C-alpha atoms as a PDB file:
ATOM      1  CA  UNK A   1       4.685   8.220  22.235  1.00  0.00           C
ATOM      2  CA  UNK A   2       5.783   6.654  25.584  1.00  0.00           C
ATOM      3  CA  UNK A   3       6.854   3.164  25.891  1.00  0.00           C
ATOM      4  CA  UNK A   4       3.379   1.678  26.880  1.00  0.00           C
ATOM      5  CA  UNK A   5       1.918   3.167  23.924  1.00  0.00           C
ATOM      6  CA  UNK A   6       4.430   1.774  21.683  1.00  0.00           C
ATOM      7  CA  UNK A   7       4.326  -1.760  23.150  1.00  0.00           C
ATOM      8  CA  UNK A   8       0.493  -1.624  22.874  1.00  0.00           C
ATOM      9  CA  UNK A   9       0.885  -0.540  19.150  1.00  0.00           C
ATOM     10  CA  UNK A  10       3.453  -3.307  18.539  1.00  0.00           C
ATOM     11  CA  UNK A  11       1.262  -5.968  20.082  1.00  0.00           C
ATOM     12  CA  UNK A  12      -1.664  -4.962  17.930  1.00  0.00           C
ATOM     13  CA  UNK A  13       0.284  -4.867  14.587  1.00  0.00           C
ATOM     14  CA  UNK A  14       1.756  -8.344  15.235  1.00  0.00           C
ATOM     15  CA  UNK A  15      -1.550 -10.167  16.173  1.00  0.00           C
ATOM     16  CA  UNK A  16      -1.936 -11.146  12.489  1.00  0.00           C
ATOM     17  CA  UNK A  17       1.642 -12.302  11.504  1.00  0.00           C
ATOM     18  CA  UNK A  18       1.480 -15.897  11.302  1.00  0.00           C
ATOM     19  CA  UNK A  19       4.292 -17.034   9.370  1.00  0.00           C
ATOM     20  CA  UNK A  20       7.953 -15.954   8.699  1.00  0.00           C
ATOM     21  CA  UNK A  21       6.979 -14.626   5.210  1.00  0.00           C
ATOM     22  CA  UNK A  22       4.346 -12.378   7.080  1.00  0.00           C
ATOM     23  CA  UNK A  23       7.104 -11.225   9.393  1.00  0.00           C
ATOM     24  CA  UNK A  24       9.518 -10.339   6.383  1.00  0.00           C
ATOM     25  CA  UNK A  25       6.805  -8.344   4.608  1.00  0.00           C
ATOM     26  CA  UNK A  26       6.089  -6.435   7.738  1.00  0.00           C
ATOM     27  CA  UNK A  27       9.698  -5.596   8.411  1.00  0.00           C
ATOM     28  CA  UNK A  28      10.313  -4.402   4.878  1.00  0.00           C
ATOM     29  CA  UNK A  29       7.192  -2.128   5.086  1.00  0.00           C
ATOM     30  CA  UNK A  30       8.682  -0.713   8.328  1.00  0.00           C
ATOM     31  CA  UNK A  31      11.876  -0.181   6.853  1.00  0.00           C
ATOM     32  CA  UNK A  32      10.383   1.581   3.936  1.00  0.00           C
ATOM     33  CA  UNK A  33       8.432   3.795   6.125  1.00  0.00           C
ATOM     34  CA  UNK A  34      11.084   4.713   8.462  1.00  0.00           C
ATOM     35  CA  UNK A  35      13.448   5.463   5.528  1.00  0.00           C
ATOM     36  CA  UNK A  36      11.073   7.807   3.940  1.00  0.00           C
ATOM     37  CA  UNK A  37      10.187   9.552   7.372  1.00  0.00           C
ATOM     38  CA  UNK A  38      13.922  10.016   8.038  1.00  0.00           C
ATOM     39  CA  UNK A  39      14.336  11.901   4.889  1.00  0.00           C
ATOM     40  CA  UNK A  40      11.110  13.846   5.637  1.00  0.00           C
ATOM     41  CA  UNK A  41       9.710  12.579   2.305  1.00  0.00           C
ATOM     42  CA  UNK A  42      12.741  13.839   0.144  1.00  0.00           C
ATOM     43  CA  UNK A  43      14.574  11.987  -2.403  1.00  0.00           C
ATOM     44  CA  UNK A  44      18.196  10.986  -1.827  1.00  0.00           C
ATOM     45  CA  UNK A  45      19.140  12.457  -5.162  1.00  0.00           C
ATOM     46  CA  UNK A  46      20.744  15.987  -5.108  1.00  0.00           C
ATOM     47  CA  UNK A  47      19.207  18.886  -6.887  1.00  0.00           C
ATOM     48  CA  UNK A  48      21.414  21.827  -8.069  1.00  0.00           C
ATOM     49  CA  UNK A  49      20.230  25.091  -8.800  1.00  0.00           C
ATOM     50  CA  UNK A  50      21.813  28.332 -10.173  1.00  0.00           C
ATOM     51  CA  UNK A  51      20.662  31.549  -8.772  1.00  0.00           C
ATOM     52  CA  UNK A  52      20.781  34.593 -11.053  1.00  0.00           C
END
């Protein structure tokens, strides 16, 4: 996405934010989504396997 598309998306998303609590909830959701995507959906736990 280019900057114009991202700005348009952000403008649409924030239209319904009325209170500080709305903003806080939205912020938490974005952090959760970005954290999951940065791990490509994988858990932070380490899985050890033994071959053979």
